[in-house]
Amino acid sequence: SWKSSRDNLRWVFKLKEGATFHNGREVTAQDFVYTYTRILDPRTESGASALLMRIKGATDFIEGKTKTVEGL
C-alpha cells in the first residue's frame, strides 16, 4: 500500500511482509532505492527516468553533482 502527504511531496510505500523475488530473497526497501537510482543513472539511458525527475535530488544525481538521490 502507499500514501502521500497533502502536498504530494512525500510518499510512503508499505512493502508486503514476506514478499520475495523468484530466488526466494526477501524484497527490501533498498531494492527500490537501487532500482530507482539505476533508472535515473544516465549510463542506463532509461526512458523511464523522466517519470522520476520530481524526486528530490534527481537532477543533481543525473548531472553528477551527487552520488546518491537525496529523496530516496
PDB file of N, CA and C in Angstrom:
ATOM      1  N   SER A   1       0.840  -1.177   0.000  1.00  0.00           N
ATOM      2  CA  SER A   1       0.000   0.000   0.000  1.00  0.00           C
ATOM      3  C   SER A   1       0.884   1.238   0.000  1.00  0.00           C
ATOM      4  N   TRP A   2       0.300   2.383  -0.241  1.00  0.00           N
ATOM      5  CA  TRP A   2       1.054   3.626  -0.268  1.00  0.00           C
ATOM      6  C   TRP A   2       0.163   4.780   0.128  1.00  0.00           C
ATOM      7  N   LYS A   3       0.811   5.875   0.530  1.00  0.00           N
ATOM      8  CA  LYS A   3       0.079   7.098   0.842  1.00  0.00           C
ATOM      9  C   LYS A   3       0.996   8.278   0.565  1.00  0.00           C
ATOM     10  N   SER A   4       0.387   9.432   0.370  1.00  0.00           N
ATOM     11  CA  SER A   4       1.168  10.640   0.113  1.00  0.00           C
ATOM     12  C   SER A   4       0.766  11.731   1.086  1.00  0.00           C
ATOM     13  N   SER A   5       1.677  12.675   1.273  1.00  0.00           N
ATOM     14  CA  SER A   5       1.366  13.835   2.109  1.00  0.00           C
ATOM     15  C   SER A   5       0.381  14.724   1.343  1.00  0.00           C
ATOM     16  N   ARG A   6      -0.238  15.639   2.045  1.00  0.00           N
ATOM     17  CA  ARG A   6      -1.217  16.534   1.403  1.00  0.00           C
ATOM     18  C   ARG A   6      -0.614  17.321   0.240  1.00  0.00           C
ATOM     19  N   ASP A   7       0.650  17.693   0.361  1.00  0.00           N
ATOM     20  CA  ASP A   7       1.296  18.472  -0.699  1.00  0.00           C
ATOM     21  C   ASP A   7       1.948  17.591  -1.774  1.00  0.00           C
ATOM     22  N   ASN A   8       1.791  16.278  -1.638  1.00  0.00           N
ATOM     23  CA  ASN A   8       2.349  15.304  -2.584  1.00  0.00           C
ATOM     24  C   ASN A   8       3.873  15.367  -2.705  1.00  0.00           C
ATOM     25  N   LEU A   9       4.537  15.843  -1.669  1.00  0.00           N
ATOM     26  CA  LEU A   9       5.995  15.892  -1.695  1.00  0.00           C
ATOM     27  C   LEU A   9       6.631  14.692  -1.007  1.00  0.00           C
ATOM     28  N   ARG A  10       5.858  13.972  -0.232  1.00  0.00           N
ATOM     29  CA  ARG A  10       6.379  12.799   0.480  1.00  0.00           C
ATOM     30  C   ARG A  10       5.443  11.625   0.224  1.00  0.00           C
ATOM     31  N   TRP A  11       6.032  10.539  -0.207  1.00  0.00           N
ATOM     32  CA  TRP A  11       5.277   9.320  -0.488  1.00  0.00           C
ATOM     33  C   TRP A  11       5.848   8.198   0.372  1.00  0.00           C
ATOM     34  N   VAL A  12       4.964   7.430   0.968  1.00  0.00           N
ATOM     35  CA  VAL A  12       5.373   6.309   1.812  1.00  0.00           C
ATOM     36  C   VAL A  12       4.760   5.039   1.229  1.00  0.00           C
ATOM     37  N   PHE A  13       5.617   4.073   0.965  1.00  0.00           N
ATOM     38  CA  PHE A  13       5.178   2.795   0.427  1.00  0.00           C
ATOM     39  C   PHE A  13       5.392   1.722   1.483  1.00  0.00           C
ATOM     40  N   LYS A  14       4.374   0.938   1.720  1.00  0.00           N
ATOM     41  CA  LYS A  14       4.479  -0.164   2.675  1.00  0.00           C
ATOM     42  C   LYS A  14       4.677  -1.452   1.882  1.00  0.00           C
ATOM     43  N   LEU A  15       5.771  -2.130   2.173  1.00  0.00           N
ATOM     44  CA  LEU A  15       6.063  -3.375   1.470  1.00  0.00           C
ATOM     45  C   LEU A  15       5.302  -4.521   2.110  1.00  0.00           C
ATOM     46  N   LYS A  16       4.851  -5.422   1.276  1.00  0.00           N
ATOM     47  CA  LYS A  16       4.143  -6.594   1.777  1.00  0.00           C
ATOM     48  C   LYS A  16       5.137  -7.485   2.516  1.00  0.00           C
ATOM     49  N   GLU A  17       4.832  -7.775   3.752  1.00  0.00           N
ATOM     50  CA  GLU A  17       5.706  -8.626   4.552  1.00  0.00           C
ATOM     51  C   GLU A  17       5.790 -10.013   3.926  1.00  0.00           C
ATOM     52  N   GLY A  18       7.004 -10.505   3.799  1.00  0.00           N
ATOM     53  CA  GLY A  18       7.214 -11.839   3.250  1.00  0.00           C
ATOM     54  C   GLY A  18       7.301 -11.889   1.734  1.00  0.00           C
ATOM     55  N   ALA A  19       7.227 -10.737   1.057  1.00  0.00           N
ATOM     56  CA  ALA A  19       7.354 -10.723  -0.402  1.00  0.00           C
ATOM     57  C   ALA A  19       8.780 -11.112  -0.781  1.00  0.00           C
ATOM     58  N   THR A  20       8.896 -11.969  -1.782  1.00  0.00           N
ATOM     59  CA  THR A  20      10.209 -12.455  -2.194  1.00  0.00           C
ATOM     60  C   THR A  20      10.382 -12.365  -3.705  1.00  0.00           C
ATOM     61  N   PHE A  21      11.642 -12.374  -4.119  1.00  0.00           N
ATOM     62  CA  PHE A  21      11.979 -12.470  -5.530  1.00  0.00           C
ATOM     63  C   PHE A  21      11.891 -13.936  -5.953  1.00  0.00           C
ATOM     64  N   HIS A  22      12.063 -14.185  -7.247  1.00  0.00           N
ATOM     65  CA  HIS A  22      11.964 -15.543  -7.771  1.00  0.00           C
ATOM     66  C   HIS A  22      12.947 -16.507  -7.108  1.00  0.00           C
ATOM     67  N   ASN A  23      14.063 -15.974  -6.605  1.00  0.00           N
ATOM     68  CA  ASN A  23      15.074 -16.832  -5.985  1.00  0.00           C
ATOM     69  C   ASN A  23      14.867 -17.021  -4.484  1.00  0.00           C
ATOM     70  N   GLY A  24      13.774 -16.442  -3.965  1.00  0.00           N
ATOM     71  CA  GLY A  24      13.464 -16.601  -2.556  1.00  0.00           C
ATOM     72  C   GLY A  24      13.983 -15.494  -1.654  1.00  0.00           C
ATOM     73  N   ARG A  25      14.815 -14.598  -2.203  1.00  0.00           N
ATOM     74  CA  ARG A  25      15.328 -13.495  -1.385  1.00  0.00           C
ATOM     75  C   ARG A  25      14.207 -12.506  -1.105  1.00  0.00           C
ATOM     76  N   GLU A  26      14.163 -12.030   0.144  1.00  0.00           N
ATOM     77  CA  GLU A  26      13.111 -11.098   0.546  1.00  0.00           C
ATOM     78  C   GLU A  26      13.295  -9.732  -0.122  1.00  0.00           C
ATOM     79  N   VAL A  27      12.191  -9.135  -0.542  1.00  0.00           N
ATOM     80  CA  VAL A  27      12.198  -7.794  -1.121  1.00  0.00           C
ATOM     81  C   VAL A  27      12.362  -6.773   0.001  1.00  0.00           C
ATOM     82  N   THR A  28      13.266  -5.804  -0.197  1.00  0.00           N
ATOM     83  CA  THR A  28      13.508  -4.775   0.819  1.00  0.00           C
ATOM     84  C   THR A  28      13.330  -3.382   0.212  1.00  0.00           C
ATOM     85  N   ALA A  29      13.233  -2.392   1.064  1.00  0.00           N
ATOM     86  CA  ALA A  29      13.152  -1.004   0.601  1.00  0.00           C
ATOM     87  C   ALA A  29      14.400  -0.642  -0.193  1.00  0.00           C
ATOM     88  N   GLN A  30      15.548  -1.166   0.201  1.00  0.00           N
ATOM     89  CA  GLN A  30      16.794  -0.871  -0.504  1.00  0.00           C
ATOM     90  C   GLN A  30      16.741  -1.344  -1.953  1.00  0.00           C
ATOM     91  N   ASP A  31      15.980  -2.389  -2.237  1.00  0.00           N
ATOM     92  CA  ASP A  31      15.818  -2.849  -3.618  1.00  0.00           C
ATOM     93  C   ASP A  31      15.166  -1.768  -4.475  1.00  0.00           C
ATOM     94  N   PHE A  32      14.214  -1.046  -3.905  1.00  0.00           N
ATOM     95  CA  PHE A  32      13.548   0.025  -4.647  1.00  0.00           C
ATOM     96  C   PHE A  32      14.468   1.225  -4.814  1.00  0.00           C
ATOM     97  N   VAL A  33      15.251   1.533  -3.794  1.00  0.00           N
ATOM     98  CA  VAL A  33      16.229   2.621  -3.905  1.00  0.00           C
ATOM     99  C   VAL A  33      17.208   2.292  -5.032  1.00  0.00           C
ATOM    100  N   TYR A  34      17.692   1.069  -5.063  1.00  0.00           N
ATOM    101  CA  TYR A  34      18.617   0.637  -6.109  1.00  0.00           C
ATOM    102  C   TYR A  34      17.973   0.771  -7.489  1.00  0.00           C
ATOM    103  N   THR A  35      16.742   0.297  -7.618  1.00  0.00           N
ATOM    104  CA  THR A  35      16.054   0.316  -8.904  1.00  0.00           C
ATOM    105  C   THR A  35      15.830   1.736  -9.399  1.00  0.00           C
ATOM    106  N   TYR A  36      15.326   2.614  -8.539  1.00  0.00           N
ATOM    107  CA  TYR A  36      15.075   3.999  -8.946  1.00  0.00           C
ATOM    108  C   TYR A  36      16.383   4.717  -9.261  1.00  0.00           C
ATOM    109  N   THR A  37      17.425   4.442  -8.496  1.00  0.00           N
ATOM    110  CA  THR A  37      18.724   5.051  -8.766  1.00  0.00           C
ATOM    111  C   THR A  37      19.251   4.576 -10.112  1.00  0.00           C
ATOM    112  N   ARG A  38      19.098   3.313 -10.389  1.00  0.00           N
ATOM    113  CA  ARG A  38      19.553   2.761 -11.671  1.00  0.00           C
ATOM    114  C   ARG A  38      18.779   3.376 -12.831  1.00  0.00           C
ATOM    115  N   ILE A  39      17.486   3.549 -12.675  1.00  0.00           N
ATOM    116  CA  ILE A  39      16.681   4.179 -13.726  1.00  0.00           C
ATOM    117  C   ILE A  39      17.169   5.601 -13.990  1.00  0.00           C
ATOM    118  N   LEU A  40      17.518   6.322 -12.929  1.00  0.00           N
ATOM    119  CA  LEU A  40      17.975   7.706 -13.072  1.00  0.00           C
ATOM    120  C   LEU A  40      19.419   7.823 -13.558  1.00  0.00           C
ATOM    121  N   ASP A  41      20.186   6.760 -13.471  1.00  0.00           N
ATOM    122  CA  ASP A  41      21.590   6.793 -13.884  1.00  0.00           C
ATOM    123  C   ASP A  41      21.668   7.032 -15.394  1.00  0.00           C
ATOM    124  N   PRO A  42      22.308   8.117 -15.828  1.00  0.00           N
ATOM    125  CA  PRO A  42      22.371   8.416 -17.257  1.00  0.00           C
ATOM    126  C   PRO A  42      23.029   7.317 -18.089  1.00  0.00           C
ATOM    127  N   ARG A  43      23.872   6.520 -17.475  1.00  0.00           N
ATOM    128  CA  ARG A  43      24.540   5.441 -18.218  1.00  0.00           C
ATOM    129  C   ARG A  43      23.561   4.381 -18.690  1.00  0.00           C
ATOM    130  N   THR A  44      22.416   4.244 -18.022  1.00  0.00           N
ATOM    131  CA  THR A  44      21.438   3.238 -18.443  1.00  0.00           C
ATOM    132  C   THR A  44      20.555   3.737 -19.575  1.00  0.00           C
ATOM    133  N   GLU A  45      20.544   5.057 -19.787  1.00  0.00           N
ATOM    134  CA  GLU A  45      19.725   5.667 -20.841  1.00  0.00           C
ATOM    135  C   GLU A  45      18.275   5.201 -20.769  1.00  0.00           C
ATOM    136  N   SER A  46      17.751   5.086 -19.569  1.00  0.00           N
ATOM    137  CA  SER A  46      16.383   4.615 -19.377  1.00  0.00           C
ATOM    138  C   SER A  46      15.367   5.685 -19.753  1.00  0.00           C
ATOM    139  N   GLY A  47      14.421   5.312 -20.583  1.00  0.00           N
ATOM    140  CA  GLY A  47      13.338   6.217 -20.942  1.00  0.00           C
ATOM    141  C   GLY A  47      12.431   6.517 -19.770  1.00  0.00           C
ATOM    142  N   ALA A  48      12.467   5.664 -18.760  1.00  0.00           N
ATOM    143  CA  ALA A  48      11.618   5.850 -17.581  1.00  0.00           C
ATOM    144  C   ALA A  48      12.158   6.918 -16.637  1.00  0.00           C
ATOM    145  N   SER A  49      13.378   7.387 -16.865  1.00  0.00           N
ATOM    146  CA  SER A  49      13.960   8.370 -15.945  1.00  0.00           C
ATOM    147  C   SER A  49      13.125   9.644 -15.873  1.00  0.00           C
ATOM    148  N   ALA A  50      12.486  10.015 -16.955  1.00  0.00           N
ATOM    149  CA  ALA A  50      11.649  11.223 -16.963  1.00  0.00           C
ATOM    150  C   ALA A  50      10.524  11.127 -15.938  1.00  0.00           C
ATOM    151  N   LEU A  51      10.069   9.925 -15.657  1.00  0.00           N
ATOM    152  CA  LEU A  51       8.986   9.726 -14.691  1.00  0.00           C
ATOM    153  C   LEU A  51       9.440   9.972 -13.259  1.00  0.00           C
ATOM    154  N   LEU A  52      10.747   9.926 -13.017  1.00  0.00           N
ATOM    155  CA  LEU A  52      11.281  10.052 -11.662  1.00  0.00           C
ATOM    156  C   LEU A  52      11.971  11.389 -11.409  1.00  0.00           C
ATOM    157  N   MET A  53      11.901  12.300 -12.343  1.00  0.00           N
ATOM    158  CA  MET A  53      12.626  13.565 -12.226  1.00  0.00           C
ATOM    159  C   MET A  53      12.134  14.458 -11.097  1.00  0.00           C
ATOM    160  N   ARG A  54      10.934  14.227 -10.586  1.00  0.00           N
ATOM    161  CA  ARG A  54      10.420  15.053  -9.497  1.00  0.00           C
ATOM    162  C   ARG A  54      10.954  14.621  -8.134  1.00  0.00           C
ATOM    163  N   ILE A  55      11.687  13.517  -8.095  1.00  0.00           N
ATOM    164  CA  ILE A  55      12.285  13.077  -6.836  1.00  0.00           C
ATOM    165  C   ILE A  55      13.382  14.068  -6.461  1.00  0.00           C
ATOM    166  N   LYS A  56      13.374  14.477  -5.212  1.00  0.00           N
ATOM    167  CA  LYS A  56      14.364  15.452  -4.738  1.00  0.00           C
ATOM    168  C   LYS A  56      15.779  14.924  -4.973  1.00  0.00           C
ATOM    169  N   GLY A  57      16.591  15.723  -5.630  1.00  0.00           N
ATOM    170  CA  GLY A  57      17.977  15.357  -5.884  1.00  0.00           C
ATOM    171  C   GLY A  57      18.210  14.611  -7.182  1.00  0.00           C
ATOM    172  N   ALA A  58      17.156  14.307  -7.927  1.00  0.00           N
ATOM    173  CA  ALA A  58      17.321  13.553  -9.170  1.00  0.00           C
ATOM    174  C   ALA A  58      18.199  14.304 -10.163  1.00  0.00           C
ATOM    175  N   THR A  59      17.949  15.587 -10.335  1.00  0.00           N
ATOM    176  CA  THR A  59      18.730  16.375 -11.291  1.00  0.00           C
ATOM    177  C   THR A  59      20.196  16.438 -10.886  1.00  0.00           C
ATOM    178  N   ASP A  60      20.466  16.681  -9.612  1.00  0.00           N
ATOM    179  CA  ASP A  60      21.858  16.721  -9.144  1.00  0.00           C
ATOM    180  C   ASP A  60      22.553  15.386  -9.384  1.00  0.00           C
ATOM    181  N   PHE A  61      21.853  14.287  -9.166  1.00  0.00           N
ATOM    182  CA  PHE A  61      22.421  12.958  -9.395  1.00  0.00           C
ATOM    183  C   PHE A  61      22.742  12.765 -10.878  1.00  0.00           C
ATOM    184  N   ILE A  62      21.800  13.100 -11.738  1.00  0.00           N
ATOM    185  CA  ILE A  62      21.995  12.923 -13.178  1.00  0.00           C
ATOM    186  C   ILE A  62      23.149  13.780 -13.685  1.00  0.00           C
ATOM    187  N   GLU A  63      23.276  14.973 -13.137  1.00  0.00           N
ATOM    188  CA  GLU A  63      24.350  15.878 -13.556  1.00  0.00           C
ATOM    189  C   GLU A  63      25.694  15.540 -12.917  1.00  0.00           C
ATOM    190  N   GLY A  64      25.737  14.500 -12.086  1.00  0.00           N
ATOM    191  CA  GLY A  64      26.984  14.067 -11.470  1.00  0.00           C
ATOM    192  C   GLY A  64      27.411  14.889 -10.269  1.00  0.00           C
ATOM    193  N   LYS A  65      26.518  15.713  -9.749  1.00  0.00           N
ATOM    194  CA  LYS A  65      26.844  16.550  -8.594  1.00  0.00           C
ATOM    195  C   LYS A  65      26.795  15.766  -7.285  1.00  0.00           C
ATOM    196  N   THR A  66      26.045  14.666  -7.270  1.00  0.00           N
ATOM    197  CA  THR A  66      25.950  13.805  -6.092  1.00  0.00           C
ATOM    198  C   THR A  66      26.041  12.352  -6.525  1.00  0.00           C
ATOM    199  N   LYS A  67      26.379  11.492  -5.585  1.00  0.00           N
ATOM    200  CA  LYS A  67      26.481  10.061  -5.881  1.00  0.00           C
ATOM    201  C   LYS A  67      25.208   9.307  -5.517  1.00  0.00           C
ATOM    202  N   THR A  68      24.306   9.978  -4.789  1.00  0.00           N
ATOM    203  CA  THR A  68      23.039   9.365  -4.405  1.00  0.00           C
ATOM    204  C   THR A  68      21.907  10.345  -4.698  1.00  0.00           C
ATOM    205  N   VAL A  69      20.683   9.824  -4.722  1.00  0.00           N
ATOM    206  CA  VAL A  69      19.496  10.646  -4.939  1.00  0.00           C
ATOM    207  C   VAL A  69      18.936  10.998  -3.571  1.00  0.00           C
ATOM    208  N   GLU A  70      18.946  12.272  -3.235  1.00  0.00           N
ATOM    209  CA  GLU A  70      18.580  12.724  -1.893  1.00  0.00           C
ATOM    210  C   GLU A  70      17.199  12.244  -1.451  1.00  0.00           C
ATOM    211  N   GLY A  71      16.241  12.247  -2.337  1.00  0.00           N
ATOM    212  CA  GLY A  71      14.870  11.932  -1.956  1.00  0.00           C
ATOM    213  C   GLY A  71      14.541  10.458  -1.862  1.00  0.00           C
ATOM    214  N   LEU A  72      15.527   9.603  -2.044  1.00  0.00           N
ATOM    215  CA  LEU A  72      15.263   8.160  -1.940  1.00  0.00           C
ATOM    216  C   LEU A  72      15.742   7.630  -0.611  1.00  0.00           C
TER     217      LEU A  72
END
